[in-house]
Amino acid sequence: MQVGMTLPVMEPDLWARGAAVLEEWARAVDAGPFSTLCFGERIAFDNPETLTLLGAVAAWTGRVRIATTVVVPQLHDPVLLAKSLATADQLCAGRLTVGLGVGGREEDYRAVGADTGTQTMREMAERAGVLRAVWSGDTVAGATRRVGPPPVQPGGPELLVGTMGPRTIRSAAAWADGLAGVTLDVDPGGVRRLFDLAESAWAEAGRAAPRLTTSFWFALDDGDGSSRAQVHRHLRHYMSWLPPDLVDAMAPTTGFAGTPAQLREVLRRFEDVGTHEVHLIPTGSDVAQVEAVAELLP
């Protein structure tokens, strides 16, 4: 099983510490045993803009795959999004994986003037089709030339669907190459049930077996239990669109908090249920977390 690491793009102290933190993390992940460097999109938040960050990360790294987990295509013009992602694929020499999701926050749609009526799996599938068409060289809107550049990867980057539930999986079987999942309660058994559903749905659609990835928040400590408070602080900031009392109720069982040895055991359990890749999501901006996890991996 492969293990990816997410950049700390959602941390409250990111800009106070400076953008150099992102480069430090990217270079540390690229130098380590990690398979993928991940980051996702929000609009009404203080994280960096995802498509701009893709260009910087392409320059900061040379080995690791780069994954958007996730981009919401309904927040973008789909042809321009296809051009931006193809450019990123060129800049990173074909190391790009694109996770697409509907997005759970209407405020992001409103912030960019997007129609909240497009916040559907059907619309996401249609926009994924536009990406594939542009990447395949189809002309659009009567243009005399294709919208380039062509992606390095034939047919374009791998497309994963961001999902936590069965309906999205069934809908995405027709167009996605796999799952960019997330598990709130870090339950390998529950993740395996979603994987079973995905494998069945992809087979019924006549597709090749899907790539099976999942992710979860994490924090490490030396056994004193302090990491749970770190996860709680992160969730309070990241889930600011939810009532605070709801976030507080979720915090004791959301994500992983524990020792490095305990995290190693959790990763082994995900490997045992057939996970192809786990993406770890940090709950702090200290790059020492990258180094600590790297020591756990073969």
Foldseek 3Di string as FASTA:
>chain_A
DAEAEEAQQQAPCCPVVHPVLRLVLLLLRQPFRHAEYEEEDFAPGRGDHPLVVLLVSLVSHQGHAYEYLAYECLLDDLLVVLASQLVSLVSNVNRYAYEYELDDDVVRCVVSVGDPVCSDLVNSVVSLVVSLCLLQFHPPPPDPGGRDDRHNDRSGHAYAYEDDDLVSLLSCLQPHQAHAYEDFQLDLVSLLVSLVSNQVSNVVNVHDRHQAEYEFEEFADPAPQPGLVLQLVLQVSVVVVDPNVVSVVSSVRTGYYYHLVVVLVSVVSNVVSPHPYYYYYYSDSDSVVSVSNSVSDD
